[in-house]
C-alpha cells in the first residue's frame, strides 16, 4: 500500500492518503524513535475513501515518529517529525 503525506512535518493532526479505496478497516499507529506506540487510530474506510485526517495529536512530544498504516493485508510506513 502506498501512503502519501503532503508534509512529513505535523503539529496537531496528520492528513494522509492511501492508494487502496476498497471498504475495510484502516489501522494507523504512530511510534516514537524508540519504537513505542504513542497513538493509534482505527477507522472503517468507506469505498473510494482515500484521505484520512487524524486529529488530537497535540499532546505528543516533539520529535521523530514512524507512521505505520495497514488496510487489510497491505501495510505502509513513513517517517515524520512533530514540530511546534
PDB file of N, CA and C in Angstrom:
ATOM      1  N   UNK A   1       0.855  -1.177   0.000  1.00  0.00           N
ATOM      2  CA  UNK A   1       0.000   0.000   0.000  1.00  0.00           C
ATOM      3  C   UNK A   1       0.894   1.231   0.000  1.00  0.00           C
ATOM      4  N   UNK A   2       0.515   2.165  -0.797  1.00  0.00           N
ATOM      5  CA  UNK A   2       1.234   3.419  -0.858  1.00  0.00           C
ATOM      6  C   UNK A   2       0.572   4.428   0.069  1.00  0.00           C
ATOM      7  N   UNK A   3       1.356   5.021   0.973  1.00  0.00           N
ATOM      8  CA  UNK A   3       0.864   6.050   1.886  1.00  0.00           C
ATOM      9  C   UNK A   3       1.503   7.365   1.465  1.00  0.00           C
ATOM     10  N   UNK A   4       0.681   8.393   1.276  1.00  0.00           N
ATOM     11  CA  UNK A   4       1.193   9.708   0.893  1.00  0.00           C
ATOM     12  C   UNK A   4       0.812  10.729   1.959  1.00  0.00           C
ATOM     13  N   UNK A   5       1.755  11.597   2.260  1.00  0.00           N
ATOM     14  CA  UNK A   5       1.512  12.695   3.188  1.00  0.00           C
ATOM     15  C   UNK A   5       2.029  13.965   2.523  1.00  0.00           C
ATOM     16  N   UNK A   6       1.235  15.032   2.594  1.00  0.00           N
ATOM     17  CA  UNK A   6       1.641  16.287   1.963  1.00  0.00           C
ATOM     18  C   UNK A   6       2.934  16.813   2.559  1.00  0.00           C
ATOM     19  N   UNK A   7       3.077  16.694   3.865  1.00  0.00           N
ATOM     20  CA  UNK A   7       4.276  17.170   4.546  1.00  0.00           C
ATOM     21  C   UNK A   7       4.686  16.144   5.588  1.00  0.00           C
ATOM     22  N   UNK A   8       5.980  15.916   5.711  1.00  0.00           N
ATOM     23  CA  UNK A   8       6.460  14.964   6.712  1.00  0.00           C
ATOM     24  C   UNK A   8       6.582  15.618   8.085  1.00  0.00           C
ATOM     25  N   UNK A   9       6.117  16.865   8.205  1.00  0.00           N
ATOM     26  CA  UNK A   9       6.114  17.589   9.473  1.00  0.00           C
ATOM     27  C   UNK A   9       4.663  17.813   9.887  1.00  0.00           C
ATOM     28  N   UNK A  10       4.347  17.544  11.171  1.00  0.00           N
ATOM     29  CA  UNK A  10       2.991  17.775  11.658  1.00  0.00           C
ATOM     30  C   UNK A  10       3.033  18.465  13.012  1.00  0.00           C
ATOM     31  N   UNK A  11       1.891  19.064  13.392  1.00  0.00           N
ATOM     32  CA  UNK A  11       1.786  19.749  14.676  1.00  0.00           C
ATOM     33  C   UNK A  11       0.742  19.077  15.552  1.00  0.00           C
ATOM     34  N   UNK A  12      -0.533  19.145  15.146  1.00  0.00           N
ATOM     35  CA  UNK A  12      -1.598  18.572  15.971  1.00  0.00           C
ATOM     36  C   UNK A  12      -2.478  17.590  15.219  1.00  0.00           C
ATOM     37  N   UNK A  13      -2.253  17.424  13.924  1.00  0.00           N
ATOM     38  CA  UNK A  13      -3.022  16.446  13.149  1.00  0.00           C
ATOM     39  C   UNK A  13      -2.231  16.011  11.925  1.00  0.00           C
ATOM     40  N   UNK A  14      -2.572  14.829  11.450  1.00  0.00           N
ATOM     41  CA  UNK A  14      -1.968  14.276  10.239  1.00  0.00           C
ATOM     42  C   UNK A  14      -3.051  14.102   9.191  1.00  0.00           C
ATOM     43  N   UNK A  15      -2.741  14.440   7.974  1.00  0.00           N
ATOM     44  CA  UNK A  15      -3.615  14.137   6.856  1.00  0.00           C
ATOM     45  C   UNK A  15      -2.822  13.235   5.933  1.00  0.00           C
ATOM     46  N   UNK A  16      -3.329  12.022   5.722  1.00  0.00           N
ATOM     47  CA  UNK A  16      -2.618  11.099   4.846  1.00  0.00           C
ATOM     48  C   UNK A  16      -3.586  10.472   3.855  1.00  0.00           C
ATOM     49  N   UNK A  17      -3.016   9.953   2.789  1.00  0.00           N
ATOM     50  CA  UNK A  17      -3.794   9.378   1.696  1.00  0.00           C
ATOM     51  C   UNK A  17      -3.269   7.976   1.414  1.00  0.00           C
ATOM     52  N   UNK A  18      -4.177   7.052   1.183  1.00  0.00           N
ATOM     53  CA  UNK A  18      -3.803   5.686   0.814  1.00  0.00           C
ATOM     54  C   UNK A  18      -4.311   5.402  -0.591  1.00  0.00           C
ATOM     55  N   UNK A  19      -3.636   4.508  -1.287  1.00  0.00           N
ATOM     56  CA  UNK A  19      -3.985   4.254  -2.681  1.00  0.00           C
ATOM     57  C   UNK A  19      -5.078   3.209  -2.869  1.00  0.00           C
ATOM     58  N   UNK A  20      -5.375   2.425  -1.860  1.00  0.00           N
ATOM     59  CA  UNK A  20      -6.386   1.380  -1.969  1.00  0.00           C
ATOM     60  C   UNK A  20      -7.727   1.931  -1.497  1.00  0.00           C
ATOM     61  N   UNK A  21      -8.750   1.894  -2.335  1.00  0.00           N
ATOM     62  CA  UNK A  21     -10.013   2.556  -1.988  1.00  0.00           C
ATOM     63  C   UNK A  21     -11.166   1.587  -1.727  1.00  0.00           C
ATOM     64  N   UNK A  22     -10.866   0.360  -1.317  1.00  0.00           N
ATOM     65  CA  UNK A  22     -11.923  -0.596  -1.004  1.00  0.00           C
ATOM     66  C   UNK A  22     -12.352  -0.447   0.457  1.00  0.00           C
ATOM     67  N   UNK A  23     -13.611  -0.823   0.733  1.00  0.00           N
ATOM     68  CA  UNK A  23     -14.139  -0.738   2.094  1.00  0.00           C
ATOM     69  C   UNK A  23     -13.467  -1.783   2.981  1.00  0.00           C
ATOM     70  N   UNK A  24     -12.876  -1.340   4.102  1.00  0.00           N
ATOM     71  CA  UNK A  24     -12.254  -2.235   5.079  1.00  0.00           C
ATOM     72  C   UNK A  24     -11.838  -1.424   6.300  1.00  0.00           C
ATOM     73  N   UNK A  25     -11.239  -2.092   7.261  1.00  0.00           N
ATOM     74  CA  UNK A  25     -10.767  -1.449   8.478  1.00  0.00           C
ATOM     75  C   UNK A  25      -9.364  -0.899   8.244  1.00  0.00           C
ATOM     76  N   UNK A  26      -9.173   0.381   8.516  1.00  0.00           N
ATOM     77  CA  UNK A  26      -7.866   1.014   8.394  1.00  0.00           C
ATOM     78  C   UNK A  26      -7.292   1.197   9.791  1.00  0.00           C
ATOM     79  N   UNK A  27      -6.051   0.773   9.980  1.00  0.00           N
ATOM     80  CA  UNK A  27      -5.368   0.929  11.258  1.00  0.00           C
ATOM     81  C   UNK A  27      -4.107   1.746  11.034  1.00  0.00           C
ATOM     82  N   UNK A  28      -3.878   2.714  11.918  1.00  0.00           N
ATOM     83  CA  UNK A  28      -2.674   3.535  11.849  1.00  0.00           C
ATOM     84  C   UNK A  28      -2.074   3.632  13.244  1.00  0.00           C
ATOM     85  N   UNK A  29      -0.757   3.596  13.306  1.00  0.00           N
ATOM     86  CA  UNK A  29      -0.035   3.668  14.576  1.00  0.00           C
ATOM     87  C   UNK A  29       1.109   4.659  14.416  1.00  0.00           C
ATOM     88  N   UNK A  30       1.275   5.520  15.411  1.00  0.00           N
ATOM     89  CA  UNK A  30       2.434   6.410  15.480  1.00  0.00           C
ATOM     90  C   UNK A  30       3.376   5.876  16.539  1.00  0.00           C
ATOM     91  N   UNK A  31       4.620   5.606  16.137  1.00  0.00           N
ATOM     92  CA  UNK A  31       5.633   5.118  17.078  1.00  0.00           C
ATOM     93  C   UNK A  31       6.738   6.155  17.190  1.00  0.00           C
ATOM     94  N   UNK A  32       7.277   6.298  18.411  1.00  0.00           N
ATOM     95  CA  UNK A  32       8.382   7.232  18.597  1.00  0.00           C
ATOM     96  C   UNK A  32       9.680   6.598  18.102  1.00  0.00           C
ATOM     97  N   UNK A  33      10.794   7.331  18.247  1.00  0.00           N
ATOM     98  CA  UNK A  33      12.080   6.847  17.737  1.00  0.00           C
ATOM     99  C   UNK A  33      12.608   5.626  18.480  1.00  0.00           C
ATOM    100  N   UNK A  34      11.996   5.287  19.630  1.00  0.00           N
ATOM    101  CA  UNK A  34      12.378   4.083  20.372  1.00  0.00           C
ATOM    102  C   UNK A  34      11.504   2.888  20.014  1.00  0.00           C
ATOM    103  N   UNK A  35      10.463   3.107  19.184  1.00  0.00           N
ATOM    104  CA  UNK A  35       9.574   2.031  18.768  1.00  0.00           C
ATOM    105  C   UNK A  35       8.344   1.859  19.635  1.00  0.00           C
ATOM    106  N   UNK A  36       8.155   2.745  20.606  1.00  0.00           N
ATOM    107  CA  UNK A  36       6.976   2.666  21.471  1.00  0.00           C
ATOM    108  C   UNK A  36       5.770   3.281  20.770  1.00  0.00           C
ATOM    109  N   UNK A  37       4.614   2.643  20.916  1.00  0.00           N
ATOM    110  CA  UNK A  37       3.384   3.159  20.329  1.00  0.00           C
ATOM    111  C   UNK A  37       2.929   4.377  21.130  1.00  0.00           C
ATOM    112  N   UNK A  38       2.779   5.512  20.461  1.00  0.00           N
ATOM    113  CA  UNK A  38       2.375   6.762  21.112  1.00  0.00           C
ATOM    114  C   UNK A  38       0.906   7.084  20.865  1.00  0.00           C
ATOM    115  N   UNK A  39       0.389   6.641  19.744  1.00  0.00           N
ATOM    116  CA  UNK A  39      -1.013   6.891  19.415  1.00  0.00           C
ATOM    117  C   UNK A  39      -1.448   5.877  18.369  1.00  0.00           C
ATOM    118  N   UNK A  40      -2.734   5.517  18.404  1.00  0.00           N
ATOM    119  CA  UNK A  40      -3.270   4.553  17.444  1.00  0.00           C
ATOM    120  C   UNK A  40      -4.630   5.032  16.948  1.00  0.00           C
ATOM    121  N   UNK A  41      -4.935   4.691  15.717  1.00  0.00           N
ATOM    122  CA  UNK A  41      -6.194   5.069  15.082  1.00  0.00           C
ATOM    123  C   UNK A  41      -6.751   3.856  14.350  1.00  0.00           C
ATOM    124  N   UNK A  42      -8.029   3.585  14.558  1.00  0.00           N
ATOM    125  CA  UNK A  42      -8.738   2.560  13.795  1.00  0.00           C
ATOM    126  C   UNK A  42     -10.014   3.189  13.287  1.00  0.00           C
ATOM    127  N   UNK A  43     -10.280   3.033  11.990  1.00  0.00           N
ATOM    128  CA  UNK A  43     -11.483   3.595  11.394  1.00  0.00           C
ATOM    129  C   UNK A  43     -11.946   2.717  10.249  1.00  0.00           C
ATOM    130  N   UNK A  44     -13.236   2.721  10.007  1.00  0.00           N
ATOM    131  CA  UNK A  44     -13.789   1.995   8.866  1.00  0.00           C
ATOM    132  C   UNK A  44     -13.647   2.863   7.629  1.00  0.00           C
ATOM    133  N   UNK A  45     -12.885   2.383   6.673  1.00  0.00           N
ATOM    134  CA  UNK A  45     -12.693   3.109   5.423  1.00  0.00           C
ATOM    135  C   UNK A  45     -13.842   2.745   4.480  1.00  0.00           C
ATOM    136  N   UNK A  46     -14.497   3.752   3.961  1.00  0.00           N
ATOM    137  CA  UNK A  46     -15.594   3.548   3.015  1.00  0.00           C
ATOM    138  C   UNK A  46     -15.040   3.349   1.603  1.00  0.00           C
ATOM    139  N   UNK A  47     -15.877   2.831   0.703  1.00  0.00           N
ATOM    140  CA  UNK A  47     -15.463   2.703  -0.694  1.00  0.00           C
ATOM    141  C   UNK A  47     -15.055   4.062  -1.228  1.00  0.00           C
ATOM    142  N   UNK A  48     -13.975   4.095  -1.965  1.00  0.00           N
ATOM    143  CA  UNK A  48     -13.423   5.300  -2.595  1.00  0.00           C
ATOM    144  C   UNK A  48     -12.911   6.336  -1.609  1.00  0.00           C
ATOM    145  N   UNK A  49     -12.816   6.033  -0.306  1.00  0.00           N
ATOM    146  CA  UNK A  49     -12.223   6.968   0.644  1.00  0.00           C
ATOM    147  C   UNK A  49     -10.719   6.759   0.648  1.00  0.00           C
ATOM    148  N   UNK A  50      -9.995   7.790   0.289  1.00  0.00           N
ATOM    149  CA  UNK A  50      -8.542   7.691   0.240  1.00  0.00           C
ATOM    150  C   UNK A  50      -7.852   8.639   1.207  1.00  0.00           C
ATOM    151  N   UNK A  51      -8.526   9.716   1.627  1.00  0.00           N
ATOM    152  CA  UNK A  51      -7.917  10.716   2.503  1.00  0.00           C
ATOM    153  C   UNK A  51      -8.441  10.541   3.922  1.00  0.00           C
ATOM    154  N   UNK A  52      -7.520  10.546   4.875  1.00  0.00           N
ATOM    155  CA  UNK A  52      -7.860  10.381   6.283  1.00  0.00           C
ATOM    156  C   UNK A  52      -7.206  11.497   7.082  1.00  0.00           C
ATOM    157  N   UNK A  53      -7.949  12.052   8.039  1.00  0.00           N
ATOM    158  CA  UNK A  53      -7.430  13.100   8.908  1.00  0.00           C
ATOM    159  C   UNK A  53      -7.394  12.552  10.325  1.00  0.00           C
ATOM    160  N   UNK A  54      -6.224  12.561  10.922  1.00  0.00           N
ATOM    161  CA  UNK A  54      -6.008  12.046  12.269  1.00  0.00           C
ATOM    162  C   UNK A  54      -5.717  13.233  13.172  1.00  0.00           C
ATOM    163  N   UNK A  55      -6.682  13.601  13.986  1.00  0.00           N
ATOM    164  CA  UNK A  55      -6.537  14.750  14.880  1.00  0.00           C
ATOM    165  C   UNK A  55      -6.182  14.330  16.291  1.00  0.00           C
ATOM    166  N   UNK A  56      -6.051  15.314  17.160  1.00  0.00           N
ATOM    167  CA  UNK A  56      -5.784  15.043  18.569  1.00  0.00           C
ATOM    168  C   UNK A  56      -4.357  14.665  18.883  1.00  0.00           C
ATOM    169  N   UNK A  57      -3.415  15.077  18.058  1.00  0.00           N
ATOM    170  CA  UNK A  57      -2.015  14.696  18.271  1.00  0.00           C
ATOM    171  C   UNK A  57      -1.200  15.806  18.933  1.00  0.00           C
ATOM    172  N   UNK A  58      -1.877  16.822  19.432  1.00  0.00           N
ATOM    173  CA  UNK A  58      -1.203  17.968  20.024  1.00  0.00           C
ATOM    174  C   UNK A  58      -0.428  17.610  21.292  1.00  0.00           C
ATOM    175  N   UNK A  59      -0.878  16.607  22.038  1.00  0.00           N
ATOM    176  CA  UNK A  59      -0.231  16.239  23.299  1.00  0.00           C
ATOM    177  C   UNK A  59       1.031  15.394  23.127  1.00  0.00           C
ATOM    178  N   UNK A  60       1.317  14.953  21.913  1.00  0.00           N
ATOM    179  CA  UNK A  60       2.536  14.171  21.698  1.00  0.00           C
ATOM    180  C   UNK A  60       3.756  15.071  21.825  1.00  0.00           C
ATOM    181  N   UNK A  61       4.839  14.554  22.402  1.00  0.00           N
ATOM    182  CA  UNK A  61       6.057  15.371  22.478  1.00  0.00           C
ATOM    183  C   UNK A  61       6.674  15.575  21.098  1.00  0.00           C
ATOM    184  N   UNK A  62       7.438  16.638  20.967  1.00  0.00           N
ATOM    185  CA  UNK A  62       8.109  16.925  19.709  1.00  0.00           C
ATOM    186  C   UNK A  62       9.170  15.881  19.453  1.00  0.00           C
ATOM    187  N   UNK A  63       9.372  15.519  18.190  1.00  0.00           N
ATOM    188  CA  UNK A  63      10.386  14.535  17.855  1.00  0.00           C
ATOM    189  C   UNK A  63      10.079  13.799  16.570  1.00  0.00           C
ATOM    190  N   UNK A  64      10.799  12.707  16.353  1.00  0.00           N
ATOM    191  CA  UNK A  64      10.688  11.889  15.142  1.00  0.00           C
ATOM    192  C   UNK A  64       9.764  10.706  15.427  1.00  0.00           C
ATOM    193  N   UNK A  65       8.861  10.445  14.493  1.00  0.00           N
ATOM    194  CA  UNK A  65       7.890   9.355  14.615  1.00  0.00           C
ATOM    195  C   UNK A  65       7.869   8.523  13.347  1.00  0.00           C
ATOM    196  N   UNK A  66       7.369   7.306  13.487  1.00  0.00           N
ATOM    197  CA  UNK A  66       7.109   6.447  12.336  1.00  0.00           C
ATOM    198  C   UNK A  66       5.617   6.200  12.277  1.00  0.00           C
ATOM    199  N   UNK A  67       5.023   6.498  11.127  1.00  0.00           N
ATOM    200  CA  UNK A  67       3.614   6.223  10.893  1.00  0.00           C
ATOM    201  C   UNK A  67       3.527   4.874  10.197  1.00  0.00           C
ATOM    202  N   UNK A  68       2.783   3.952  10.789  1.00  0.00           N
ATOM    203  CA  UNK A  68       2.546   2.640  10.187  1.00  0.00           C
ATOM    204  C   UNK A  68       1.051   2.522   9.910  1.00  0.00           C
ATOM    205  N   UNK A  69       0.711   2.320   8.650  1.00  0.00           N
ATOM    206  CA  UNK A  69      -0.688   2.230   8.241  1.00  0.00           C
ATOM    207  C   UNK A  69      -0.927   0.862   7.640  1.00  0.00           C
ATOM    208  N   UNK A  70      -2.016   0.202   8.068  1.00  0.00           N
ATOM    209  CA  UNK A  70      -2.387  -1.078   7.473  1.00  0.00           C
ATOM    210  C   UNK A  70      -3.869  -1.038   7.105  1.00  0.00           C
ATOM    211  N   UNK A  71      -4.149  -1.607   5.965  1.00  0.00           N
ATOM    212  CA  UNK A  71      -5.514  -1.661   5.441  1.00  0.00           C
ATOM    213  C   UNK A  71      -5.676  -3.042   4.834  1.00  0.00           C
ATOM    214  N   UNK A  72      -6.374  -3.914   5.568  1.00  0.00           N
ATOM    215  CA  UNK A  72      -6.435  -5.309   5.132  1.00  0.00           C
ATOM    216  C   UNK A  72      -5.062  -5.934   5.318  1.00  0.00           C
ATOM    217  N   UNK A  73      -4.523  -6.512   4.261  1.00  0.00           N
ATOM    218  CA  UNK A  73      -3.196  -7.125   4.337  1.00  0.00           C
ATOM    219  C   UNK A  73      -2.097  -6.182   3.853  1.00  0.00           C
ATOM    220  N   UNK A  74      -2.460  -5.015   3.333  1.00  0.00           N
ATOM    221  CA  UNK A  74      -1.483  -4.035   2.858  1.00  0.00           C
ATOM    222  C   UNK A  74      -0.960  -3.198   4.015  1.00  0.00           C
ATOM    223  N   UNK A  75       0.334  -2.877   3.969  1.00  0.00           N
ATOM    224  CA  UNK A  75       0.942  -2.047   5.001  1.00  0.00           C
ATOM    225  C   UNK A  75       1.855  -1.012   4.363  1.00  0.00           C
ATOM    226  N   UNK A  76       1.991   0.117   5.036  1.00  0.00           N
ATOM    227  CA  UNK A  76       2.908   1.155   4.590  1.00  0.00           C
ATOM    228  C   UNK A  76       3.497   1.872   5.785  1.00  0.00           C
ATOM    229  N   UNK A  77       4.728   2.388   5.642  1.00  0.00           N
ATOM    230  CA  UNK A  77       5.411   3.099   6.720  1.00  0.00           C
ATOM    231  C   UNK A  77       5.983   4.394   6.189  1.00  0.00           C
ATOM    232  N   UNK A  78       6.057   5.389   7.094  1.00  0.00           N
ATOM    233  CA  UNK A  78       6.631   6.676   6.729  1.00  0.00           C
ATOM    234  C   UNK A  78       7.186   7.347   7.979  1.00  0.00           C
ATOM    235  N   UNK A  79       8.332   8.015   7.850  1.00  0.00           N
ATOM    236  CA  UNK A  79       8.932   8.755   8.960  1.00  0.00           C
ATOM    237  C   UNK A  79       8.403  10.181   8.951  1.00  0.00           C
ATOM    238  N   UNK A  80       8.081  10.691  10.153  1.00  0.00           N
ATOM    239  CA  UNK A  80       7.516  12.025  10.307  1.00  0.00           C
ATOM    240  C   UNK A  80       8.222  12.759  11.439  1.00  0.00           C
ATOM    241  N   UNK A  81       8.021  14.080  11.459  1.00  0.00           N
ATOM    242  CA  UNK A  81       8.575  14.901  12.524  1.00  0.00           C
ATOM    243  C   UNK A  81       7.471  15.764  13.090  1.00  0.00           C
ATOM    244  N   UNK A  82       7.331  15.760  14.427  1.00  0.00           N
ATOM    245  CA  UNK A  82       6.370  16.653  15.082  1.00  0.00           C
ATOM    246  C   UNK A  82       7.122  17.894  15.516  1.00  0.00           C
ATOM    247  N   UNK A  83       6.595  19.047  15.094  1.00  0.00           N
ATOM    248  CA  UNK A  83       7.212  20.335  15.400  1.00  0.00           C
ATOM    249  C   UNK A  83       6.271  21.230  16.157  1.00  0.00           C
ATOM    250  N   UNK A  84       6.757  22.411  16.530  1.00  0.00           N
ATOM    251  CA  UNK A  84       5.957  23.424  17.223  1.00  0.00           C
ATOM    252  C   UNK A  84       4.912  23.968  16.272  1.00  0.00           C
TER     253      UNK A  84
END
